[in-house]
Full PDB file with SEQRES, HELIX, SHEET, SSBOND, CRYST1, ORIGX, SCALE, CONECT and MASTER records, all heavy atoms in Angstrom:
SEQRES   1 A   35  MET MET TRP ARG LEU LEU MET ARG ARG ASN PRO THR LYS          
SEQRES   2 A   35  SER PHE THR VAL VAL GLY ASP VAL ALA GLN THR SER SER          
SEQRES   3 A   35  PRO ALA GLY THR THR SER TRP THR ALA                          
HELIX    1 AA1 MET A    2  ARG A    9  1                                   8    
HELIX    2 AA2 VAL A   21  GLN A   23  5                                   3    
CRYST1    1.000    1.000    1.000  90.00  90.00  90.00 P 1           1          
ORIGX1      1.000000  0.000000  0.000000        0.00000                         
ORIGX2      0.000000  1.000000  0.000000        0.00000                         
ORIGX3      0.000000  0.000000  1.000000        0.00000                         
SCALE1      1.000000  0.000000  0.000000        0.00000                         
SCALE2      0.000000  1.000000  0.000000        0.00000                         
SCALE3      0.000000  0.000000  1.000000        0.00000                         
ATOM      1  N   MET A   1      -7.728  -3.963  -0.582  1.00  0.00           N  
ATOM      2  CA  MET A   1      -8.740  -3.707   0.447  1.00  0.00           C  
ATOM      3  C   MET A   1      -8.109  -3.110   1.702  1.00  0.00           C  
ATOM      4  O   MET A   1      -8.697  -2.249   2.360  1.00  0.00           O  
ATOM      5  CB  MET A   1      -9.494  -4.988   0.785  1.00  0.00           C  
ATOM      6  CG  MET A   1     -10.425  -5.468  -0.322  1.00  0.00           C  
ATOM      7  SD  MET A   1     -11.688  -4.252  -0.766  1.00  0.00           S  
ATOM      8  CE  MET A   1     -12.665  -4.193   0.744  1.00  0.00           C  
ATOM      9  N   MET A   2      -6.887  -3.545   2.047  1.00  0.00           N  
ATOM     10  CA  MET A   2      -6.216  -2.960   3.212  1.00  0.00           C  
ATOM     11  C   MET A   2      -5.862  -1.506   2.937  1.00  0.00           C  
ATOM     12  O   MET A   2      -5.912  -0.667   3.846  1.00  0.00           O  
ATOM     13  CB  MET A   2      -4.960  -3.764   3.549  1.00  0.00           C  
ATOM     14  CG  MET A   2      -4.312  -3.367   4.875  1.00  0.00           C  
ATOM     15  SD  MET A   2      -5.369  -3.655   6.326  1.00  0.00           S  
ATOM     16  CE  MET A   2      -5.127  -5.434   6.561  1.00  0.00           C  
ATOM     17  N   TRP A   3      -5.519  -1.178   1.692  1.00  0.00           N  
ATOM     18  CA  TRP A   3      -5.240   0.215   1.353  1.00  0.00           C  
ATOM     19  C   TRP A   3      -6.499   1.069   1.487  1.00  0.00           C  
ATOM     20  O   TRP A   3      -6.429   2.227   1.891  1.00  0.00           O  
ATOM     21  CB  TRP A   3      -4.665   0.324  -0.057  1.00  0.00           C  
ATOM     22  CG  TRP A   3      -3.197   0.032  -0.109  1.00  0.00           C  
ATOM     23  CD1 TRP A   3      -2.584  -1.044  -0.656  1.00  0.00           C  
ATOM     24  CD2 TRP A   3      -2.149   0.823   0.465  1.00  0.00           C  
ATOM     25  NE1 TRP A   3      -1.229  -0.977  -0.474  1.00  0.00           N  
ATOM     26  CE2 TRP A   3      -0.931   0.158   0.211  1.00  0.00           C  
ATOM     27  CE3 TRP A   3      -2.126   2.024   1.168  1.00  0.00           C  
ATOM     28  CZ2 TRP A   3       0.300   0.666   0.631  1.00  0.00           C  
ATOM     29  CZ3 TRP A   3      -0.899   2.540   1.584  1.00  0.00           C  
ATOM     30  CH2 TRP A   3       0.288   1.861   1.316  1.00  0.00           C  
ATOM     31  N   ARG A   4      -7.664   0.513   1.165  1.00  0.00           N  
ATOM     32  CA  ARG A   4      -8.914   1.257   1.360  1.00  0.00           C  
ATOM     33  C   ARG A   4      -9.092   1.604   2.837  1.00  0.00           C  
ATOM     34  O   ARG A   4      -9.474   2.720   3.186  1.00  0.00           O  
ATOM     35  CB  ARG A   4     -10.111   0.442   0.860  1.00  0.00           C  
ATOM     36  CG  ARG A   4     -10.235   0.378  -0.649  1.00  0.00           C  
ATOM     37  CD  ARG A   4     -11.390  -0.511  -1.085  1.00  0.00           C  
ATOM     38  NE  ARG A   4     -12.682   0.020  -0.650  1.00  0.00           N  
ATOM     39  CZ  ARG A   4     -13.423   0.870  -1.332  1.00  0.00           C  
ATOM     40  NH1 ARG A   4     -12.997   1.326  -2.503  1.00  0.00           N  
ATOM     41  NH2 ARG A   4     -14.595   1.273  -0.875  1.00  0.00           N  
ATOM     42  N   LEU A   5      -8.806   0.637   3.702  1.00  0.00           N  
ATOM     43  CA  LEU A   5      -8.907   0.882   5.145  1.00  0.00           C  
ATOM     44  C   LEU A   5      -7.960   2.002   5.559  1.00  0.00           C  
ATOM     45  O   LEU A   5      -8.352   2.942   6.274  1.00  0.00           O  
ATOM     46  CB  LEU A   5      -8.593  -0.407   5.909  1.00  0.00           C  
ATOM     47  CG  LEU A   5      -8.603  -0.378   7.443  1.00  0.00           C  
ATOM     48  CD1 LEU A   5      -8.860  -1.787   7.987  1.00  0.00           C  
ATOM     49  CD2 LEU A   5      -7.309   0.142   8.040  1.00  0.00           C  
ATOM     50  N   LEU A   6      -6.696   1.915   5.137  1.00  0.00           N  
ATOM     51  CA  LEU A   6      -5.702   2.906   5.563  1.00  0.00           C  
ATOM     52  C   LEU A   6      -6.029   4.296   5.033  1.00  0.00           C  
ATOM     53  O   LEU A   6      -5.812   5.297   5.733  1.00  0.00           O  
ATOM     54  CB  LEU A   6      -4.310   2.476   5.105  1.00  0.00           C  
ATOM     55  CG  LEU A   6      -3.718   1.279   5.847  1.00  0.00           C  
ATOM     56  CD1 LEU A   6      -2.423   0.840   5.204  1.00  0.00           C  
ATOM     57  CD2 LEU A   6      -3.491   1.604   7.325  1.00  0.00           C  
ATOM     58  N   MET A   7      -6.537   4.396   3.834  1.00  0.00           N  
ATOM     59  CA  MET A   7      -6.881   5.701   3.276  1.00  0.00           C  
ATOM     60  C   MET A   7      -8.020   6.342   4.072  1.00  0.00           C  
ATOM     61  O   MET A   7      -8.083   7.575   4.198  1.00  0.00           O  
ATOM     62  CB  MET A   7      -7.257   5.572   1.803  1.00  0.00           C  
ATOM     63  CG  MET A   7      -6.083   5.236   0.902  1.00  0.00           C  
ATOM     64  SD  MET A   7      -4.846   6.577   0.840  1.00  0.00           S  
ATOM     65  CE  MET A   7      -3.486   5.752  -0.009  1.00  0.00           C  
ATOM     66  N   ARG A   8      -8.903   5.520   4.634  1.00  0.00           N  
ATOM     67  CA  ARG A   8      -9.951   6.076   5.503  1.00  0.00           C  
ATOM     68  C   ARG A   8      -9.364   6.603   6.803  1.00  0.00           C  
ATOM     69  O   ARG A   8      -9.929   7.520   7.413  1.00  0.00           O  
ATOM     70  CB  ARG A   8     -11.009   5.011   5.790  1.00  0.00           C  
ATOM     71  CG  ARG A   8     -11.987   4.795   4.656  1.00  0.00           C  
ATOM     72  CD  ARG A   8     -13.188   3.992   5.104  1.00  0.00           C  
ATOM     73  NE  ARG A   8     -12.896   2.592   5.238  1.00  0.00           N  
ATOM     74  CZ  ARG A   8     -13.040   1.688   4.271  1.00  0.00           C  
ATOM     75  NH1 ARG A   8     -13.469   2.072   3.074  1.00  0.00           N  
ATOM     76  NH2 ARG A   8     -12.767   0.417   4.478  1.00  0.00           N  
ATOM     77  N   ARG A   9      -8.252   6.027   7.249  1.00  0.00           N  
ATOM     78  CA  ARG A   9      -7.616   6.489   8.485  1.00  0.00           C  
ATOM     79  C   ARG A   9      -6.919   7.834   8.296  1.00  0.00           C  
ATOM     80  O   ARG A   9      -6.563   8.485   9.261  1.00  0.00           O  
ATOM     81  CB  ARG A   9      -6.599   5.464   8.979  1.00  0.00           C  
ATOM     82  CG  ARG A   9      -7.164   4.100   9.345  1.00  0.00           C  
ATOM     83  CD  ARG A   9      -8.136   4.175  10.517  1.00  0.00           C  
ATOM     84  NE  ARG A   9      -8.543   2.856  10.942  1.00  0.00           N  
ATOM     85  CZ  ARG A   9      -9.585   2.177  10.471  1.00  0.00           C  
ATOM     86  NH1 ARG A   9     -10.343   2.748   9.527  1.00  0.00           N  
ATOM     87  NH2 ARG A   9      -9.882   0.974  10.906  1.00  0.00           N  
ATOM     88  N   ASN A  10      -6.708   8.236   7.040  1.00  0.00           N  
ATOM     89  CA  ASN A  10      -6.036   9.505   6.778  1.00  0.00           C  
ATOM     90  C   ASN A  10      -6.596  10.129   5.509  1.00  0.00           C  
ATOM     91  O   ASN A  10      -6.002  10.015   4.431  1.00  0.00           O  
ATOM     92  CB  ASN A  10      -4.516   9.303   6.659  1.00  0.00           C  
ATOM     93  CG  ASN A  10      -3.775  10.612   6.461  1.00  0.00           C  
ATOM     94  OD1 ASN A  10      -3.250  10.874   5.395  1.00  0.00           O  
ATOM     95  ND2 ASN A  10      -3.733  11.427   7.479  1.00  0.00           N  
ATOM     96  N   PRO A  11      -7.744  10.793   5.592  1.00  0.00           N  
ATOM     97  CA  PRO A  11      -8.388  11.358   4.401  1.00  0.00           C  
ATOM     98  C   PRO A  11      -7.538  12.390   3.669  1.00  0.00           C  
ATOM     99  O   PRO A  11      -7.725  12.613   2.477  1.00  0.00           O  
ATOM    100  CB  PRO A  11      -9.667  11.995   4.961  1.00  0.00           C  
ATOM    101  CG  PRO A  11      -9.920  11.293   6.258  1.00  0.00           C  
ATOM    102  CD  PRO A  11      -8.562  10.977   6.802  1.00  0.00           C  
ATOM    103  N   THR A  12      -6.586  13.031   4.369  1.00  0.00           N  
ATOM    104  CA  THR A  12      -5.737  14.022   3.707  1.00  0.00           C  
ATOM    105  C   THR A  12      -4.632  13.373   2.881  1.00  0.00           C  
ATOM    106  O   THR A  12      -3.873  14.075   2.206  1.00  0.00           O  
ATOM    107  CB  THR A  12      -5.092  14.966   4.739  1.00  0.00           C  
ATOM    108  OG1 THR A  12      -4.246  14.201   5.615  1.00  0.00           O  
ATOM    109  CG2 THR A  12      -6.163  15.689   5.556  1.00  0.00           C  
ATOM    110  N   LYS A  13      -4.531  12.052   2.973  1.00  0.00           N  
ATOM    111  CA  LYS A  13      -3.547  11.278   2.186  1.00  0.00           C  
ATOM    112  C   LYS A  13      -2.117  11.702   2.486  1.00  0.00           C  
ATOM    113  O   LYS A  13      -1.286  11.862   1.591  1.00  0.00           O  
ATOM    114  CB  LYS A  13      -3.817  11.411   0.678  1.00  0.00           C  
ATOM    115  CG  LYS A  13      -5.253  11.108   0.262  1.00  0.00           C  
ATOM    116  CD  LYS A  13      -5.648   9.685   0.554  1.00  0.00           C  
ATOM    117  CE  LYS A  13      -7.001   9.330  -0.060  1.00  0.00           C  
ATOM    118  NZ  LYS A  13      -8.136  10.023   0.548  1.00  0.00           N  
ATOM    119  N   SER A  14      -1.804  11.877   3.778  1.00  0.00           N  
ATOM    120  CA  SER A  14      -0.440  12.184   4.213  1.00  0.00           C  
ATOM    121  C   SER A  14       0.200  10.877   4.682  1.00  0.00           C  
ATOM    122  O   SER A  14      -0.027  10.430   5.809  1.00  0.00           O  
ATOM    123  CB  SER A  14      -0.456  13.227   5.343  1.00  0.00           C  
ATOM    124  OG  SER A  14       0.853  13.481   5.808  1.00  0.00           O  
ATOM    125  N   PHE A  15       1.002  10.269   3.810  1.00  0.00           N  
ATOM    126  CA  PHE A  15       1.552   8.940   4.064  1.00  0.00           C  
ATOM    127  C   PHE A  15       3.055   8.915   3.807  1.00  0.00           C  
ATOM    128  O   PHE A  15       3.551   9.576   2.894  1.00  0.00           O  
ATOM    129  CB  PHE A  15       0.919   7.911   3.118  1.00  0.00           C  
ATOM    130  CG  PHE A  15      -0.425   7.391   3.542  1.00  0.00           C  
ATOM    131  CD1 PHE A  15      -1.564   8.157   3.367  1.00  0.00           C  
ATOM    132  CD2 PHE A  15      -0.554   6.125   4.095  1.00  0.00           C  
ATOM    133  CE1 PHE A  15      -2.804   7.686   3.732  1.00  0.00           C  
ATOM    134  CE2 PHE A  15      -1.788   5.638   4.465  1.00  0.00           C  
ATOM    135  CZ  PHE A  15      -2.927   6.412   4.287  1.00  0.00           C  
ATOM    136  N   THR A  16       3.760   8.114   4.605  1.00  0.00           N  
ATOM    137  CA  THR A  16       5.098   7.661   4.246  1.00  0.00           C  
ATOM    138  C   THR A  16       5.000   6.159   4.051  1.00  0.00           C  
ATOM    139  O   THR A  16       4.690   5.420   4.991  1.00  0.00           O  
ATOM    140  CB  THR A  16       6.134   7.975   5.338  1.00  0.00           C  
ATOM    141  OG1 THR A  16       6.182   9.389   5.544  1.00  0.00           O  
ATOM    142  CG2 THR A  16       7.511   7.478   4.930  1.00  0.00           C  
ATOM    143  N   VAL A  17       5.224   5.720   2.843  1.00  0.00           N  
ATOM    144  CA  VAL A  17       5.044   4.316   2.461  1.00  0.00           C  
ATOM    145  C   VAL A  17       6.414   3.746   2.128  1.00  0.00           C  
ATOM    146  O   VAL A  17       7.108   4.272   1.256  1.00  0.00           O  
ATOM    147  CB  VAL A  17       4.105   4.209   1.243  1.00  0.00           C  
ATOM    148  CG1 VAL A  17       4.010   2.767   0.761  1.00  0.00           C  
ATOM    149  CG2 VAL A  17       2.726   4.766   1.579  1.00  0.00           C  
ATOM    150  N   VAL A  18       6.821   2.685   2.814  1.00  0.00           N  
ATOM    151  CA  VAL A  18       8.141   2.110   2.555  1.00  0.00           C  
ATOM    152  C   VAL A  18       8.013   0.621   2.257  1.00  0.00           C  
ATOM    153  O   VAL A  18       7.194  -0.081   2.839  1.00  0.00           O  
ATOM    154  CB  VAL A  18       9.111   2.330   3.739  1.00  0.00           C  
ATOM    155  CG1 VAL A  18       9.387   3.791   3.936  1.00  0.00           C  
ATOM    156  CG2 VAL A  18       8.585   1.717   5.023  1.00  0.00           C  
ATOM    157  N   GLY A  19       8.819   0.164   1.327  1.00  0.00           N  
ATOM    158  CA  GLY A  19       8.803  -1.240   0.980  1.00  0.00           C  
ATOM    159  C   GLY A  19       9.673  -1.531  -0.220  1.00  0.00           C  
ATOM    160  O   GLY A  19      10.380  -0.660  -0.734  1.00  0.00           O  
ATOM    161  N   ASP A  20       9.586  -2.776  -0.667  1.00  0.00           N  
ATOM    162  CA  ASP A  20      10.383  -3.233  -1.798  1.00  0.00           C  
ATOM    163  C   ASP A  20       9.544  -4.240  -2.566  1.00  0.00           C  
ATOM    164  O   ASP A  20       9.233  -5.319  -2.060  1.00  0.00           O  
ATOM    165  CB  ASP A  20      11.677  -3.881  -1.302  1.00  0.00           C  
ATOM    166  CG  ASP A  20      12.558  -4.388  -2.434  1.00  0.00           C  
ATOM    167  OD1 ASP A  20      12.299  -4.022  -3.594  1.00  0.00           O  
ATOM    168  OD2 ASP A  20      13.499  -5.161  -2.155  1.00  0.00           O  
ATOM    169  N   VAL A  21       9.142  -3.891  -3.773  1.00  0.00           N  
ATOM    170  CA  VAL A  21       8.258  -4.763  -4.539  1.00  0.00           C  
ATOM    171  C   VAL A  21       8.929  -6.085  -4.912  1.00  0.00           C  
ATOM    172  O   VAL A  21       8.242  -7.053  -5.263  1.00  0.00           O  
ATOM    173  CB  VAL A  21       7.729  -4.049  -5.799  1.00  0.00           C  
ATOM    174  CG1 VAL A  21       6.801  -2.918  -5.428  1.00  0.00           C  
ATOM    175  CG2 VAL A  21       8.888  -3.539  -6.669  1.00  0.00           C  
ATOM    176  N   ALA A  22      10.246  -6.153  -4.819  1.00  0.00           N  
ATOM    177  CA  ALA A  22      10.933  -7.422  -5.084  1.00  0.00           C  
ATOM    178  C   ALA A  22      10.787  -8.385  -3.918  1.00  0.00           C  
ATOM    179  O   ALA A  22      11.116  -9.566  -4.045  1.00  0.00           O  
ATOM    180  CB  ALA A  22      12.417  -7.173  -5.371  1.00  0.00           C  
ATOM    181  N   GLN A  23      10.316  -7.896  -2.765  1.00  0.00           N  
ATOM    182  CA  GLN A  23      10.179  -8.742  -1.592  1.00  0.00           C  
ATOM    183  C   GLN A  23       8.720  -9.098  -1.294  1.00  0.00           C  
ATOM    184  O   GLN A  23       8.415  -9.650  -0.241  1.00  0.00           O  
ATOM    185  CB  GLN A  23      10.801  -8.053  -0.374  1.00  0.00           C  
ATOM    186  CG  GLN A  23      12.290  -7.783  -0.525  1.00  0.00           C  
ATOM    187  CD  GLN A  23      12.907  -7.196   0.730  1.00  0.00           C  
ATOM    188  OE1 GLN A  23      12.789  -7.744   1.810  1.00  0.00           O  
ATOM    189  NE2 GLN A  23      13.594  -6.062   0.582  1.00  0.00           N  
ATOM    190  N   THR A  24       7.812  -8.807  -2.221  1.00  0.00           N  
ATOM    191  CA  THR A  24       6.403  -9.113  -2.006  1.00  0.00           C  
ATOM    192  C   THR A  24       6.187 -10.620  -1.981  1.00  0.00           C  
ATOM    193  O   THR A  24       6.526 -11.321  -2.926  1.00  0.00           O  
ATOM    194  CB  THR A  24       5.532  -8.507  -3.125  1.00  0.00           C  
ATOM    195  OG1 THR A  24       5.784  -7.109  -3.208  1.00  0.00           O  
ATOM    196  CG2 THR A  24       4.054  -8.747  -2.853  1.00  0.00           C  
ATOM    197  N   SER A  25       5.607 -11.114  -0.884  1.00  0.00           N  
ATOM    198  CA  SER A  25       5.300 -12.539  -0.807  1.00  0.00           C  
ATOM    199  C   SER A  25       3.802 -12.791  -0.696  1.00  0.00           C  
ATOM    200  O   SER A  25       3.330 -13.868  -1.045  1.00  0.00           O  
ATOM    201  CB  SER A  25       6.017 -13.187   0.382  1.00  0.00           C  
ATOM    202  OG  SER A  25       5.605 -12.602   1.599  1.00  0.00           O  
ATOM    203  N   SER A  26       3.044 -11.820  -0.215  1.00  0.00           N  
ATOM    204  CA  SER A  26       1.601 -12.011  -0.093  1.00  0.00           C  
ATOM    205  C   SER A  26       0.965 -12.111  -1.474  1.00  0.00           C  
ATOM    206  O   SER A  26       1.249 -11.297  -2.356  1.00  0.00           O  
ATOM    207  CB  SER A  26       0.975 -10.847   0.673  1.00  0.00           C  
ATOM    208  OG  SER A  26      -0.443 -10.893   0.576  1.00  0.00           O  
ATOM    209  N   PRO A  27       0.074 -13.083  -1.677  1.00  0.00           N  
ATOM    210  CA  PRO A  27      -0.614 -13.176  -2.972  1.00  0.00           C  
ATOM    211  C   PRO A  27      -1.519 -11.989  -3.244  1.00  0.00           C  
ATOM    212  O   PRO A  27      -1.894 -11.739  -4.389  1.00  0.00           O  
ATOM    213  CB  PRO A  27      -1.425 -14.473  -2.846  1.00  0.00           C  
ATOM    214  CG  PRO A  27      -1.582 -14.681  -1.377  1.00  0.00           C  
ATOM    215  CD  PRO A  27      -0.331 -14.149  -0.759  1.00  0.00           C  
ATOM    216  N   ALA A  28      -1.875 -11.257  -2.192  1.00  0.00           N  
ATOM    217  CA  ALA A  28      -2.713 -10.066  -2.358  1.00  0.00           C  
ATOM    218  C   ALA A  28      -1.879  -8.794  -2.419  1.00  0.00           C  
ATOM    219  O   ALA A  28      -2.429  -7.694  -2.529  1.00  0.00           O  
ATOM    220  CB  ALA A  28      -3.714  -9.969  -1.206  1.00  0.00           C  
ATOM    221  N   GLY A  29      -0.558  -8.929  -2.332  1.00  0.00           N  
ATOM    222  CA  GLY A  29       0.316  -7.759  -2.343  1.00  0.00           C  
ATOM    223  C   GLY A  29       0.504  -7.201  -3.739  1.00  0.00           C  
ATOM    224  O   GLY A  29      -0.167  -7.579  -4.691  1.00  0.00           O  
ATOM    225  N   THR A  30       1.471  -6.271  -3.854  1.00  0.00           N  
ATOM    226  CA  THR A  30       1.640  -5.556  -5.123  1.00  0.00           C  
ATOM    227  C   THR A  30       3.053  -5.690  -5.665  1.00  0.00           C  
ATOM    228  O   THR A  30       4.006  -5.931  -4.912  1.00  0.00           O  
ATOM    229  CB  THR A  30       1.306  -4.062  -4.958  1.00  0.00           C  
ATOM    230  OG1 THR A  30       1.292  -3.432  -6.240  1.00  0.00           O  
ATOM    231  CG2 THR A  30       2.345  -3.365  -4.081  1.00  0.00           C  
ATOM    232  N   THR A  31       3.181  -5.532  -6.960  1.00  0.00           N  
ATOM    233  CA  THR A  31       4.495  -5.405  -7.600  1.00  0.00           C  
ATOM    234  C   THR A  31       4.620  -4.049  -8.279  1.00  0.00           C  
ATOM    235  O   THR A  31       5.565  -3.824  -9.036  1.00  0.00           O  
ATOM    236  CB  THR A  31       4.707  -6.525  -8.634  1.00  0.00           C  
ATOM    237  OG1 THR A  31       3.643  -6.483  -9.594  1.00  0.00           O  
ATOM    238  CG2 THR A  31       4.730  -7.893  -7.970  1.00  0.00           C  
ATOM    239  N   SER A  32       3.674  -3.144  -7.997  1.00  0.00           N  
ATOM    240  CA  SER A  32       3.701  -1.810  -8.613  1.00  0.00           C  
ATOM    241  C   SER A  32       3.078  -0.802  -7.664  1.00  0.00           C  
ATOM    242  O   SER A  32       1.895  -0.918  -7.310  1.00  0.00           O  
ATOM    243  CB  SER A  32       2.923  -1.816  -9.933  1.00  0.00           C  
ATOM    244  OG  SER A  32       2.680  -0.499 -10.378  1.00  0.00           O  
ATOM    245  N   TRP A  33       3.867   0.183  -7.234  1.00  0.00           N  
ATOM    246  CA  TRP A  33       3.331   1.234  -6.364  1.00  0.00           C  
ATOM    247  C   TRP A  33       2.273   2.047  -7.095  1.00  0.00           C  
ATOM    248  O   TRP A  33       1.264   2.444  -6.505  1.00  0.00           O  
ATOM    249  CB  TRP A  33       4.458   2.149  -5.891  1.00  0.00           C  
ATOM    250  CG  TRP A  33       5.481   1.473  -5.050  1.00  0.00           C  
ATOM    251  CD1 TRP A  33       6.811   1.327  -5.311  1.00  0.00           C  
ATOM    252  CD2 TRP A  33       5.261   0.821  -3.792  1.00  0.00           C  
ATOM    253  NE1 TRP A  33       7.433   0.641  -4.310  1.00  0.00           N  
ATOM    254  CE2 TRP A  33       6.514   0.322  -3.359  1.00  0.00           C  
ATOM    255  CE3 TRP A  33       4.143   0.609  -2.995  1.00  0.00           C  
ATOM    256  CZ2 TRP A  33       6.658  -0.375  -2.164  1.00  0.00           C  
ATOM    257  CZ3 TRP A  33       4.284  -0.093  -1.796  1.00  0.00           C  
ATOM    258  CH2 TRP A  33       5.524  -0.567  -1.396  1.00  0.00           C  
ATOM    259  N   THR A  34       2.493   2.297  -8.359  1.00  0.00           N  
ATOM    260  CA  THR A  34       1.520   3.070  -9.133  1.00  0.00           C  
ATOM    261  C   THR A  34       0.172   2.365  -9.167  1.00  0.00           C  
ATOM    262  O   THR A  34      -0.884   2.980  -8.950  1.00  0.00           O  
ATOM    263  CB  THR A  34       2.028   3.284 -10.569  1.00  0.00           C  
ATOM    264  OG1 THR A  34       3.268   3.992 -10.523  1.00  0.00           O  
ATOM    265  CG2 THR A  34       1.020   4.076 -11.383  1.00  0.00           C  
ATOM    266  N   ALA A  35       0.192   1.051  -9.404  1.00  0.00           N  
ATOM    267  CA  ALA A  35      -1.060   0.298  -9.513  1.00  0.00           C  
ATOM    268  C   ALA A  35      -1.844   0.317  -8.213  1.00  0.00           C  
ATOM    269  O   ALA A  35      -3.072   0.455  -8.214  1.00  0.00           O  
ATOM    270  CB  ALA A  35      -0.760  -1.139  -9.935  1.00  0.00           C  
TER     271      ALA A  35                                                      
MASTER        0    0    0    2    0    0    0    6  270    1    0    3          
END                                                                             
């Protein structure tokens, strides 16, 4: 749902996304960038 919000902030989809799926602690977070 937070990604839906962010995509509305940039309809052209120009993003730099940084992170590490091994460090995900939020239960709503991701373990796959593709997903």
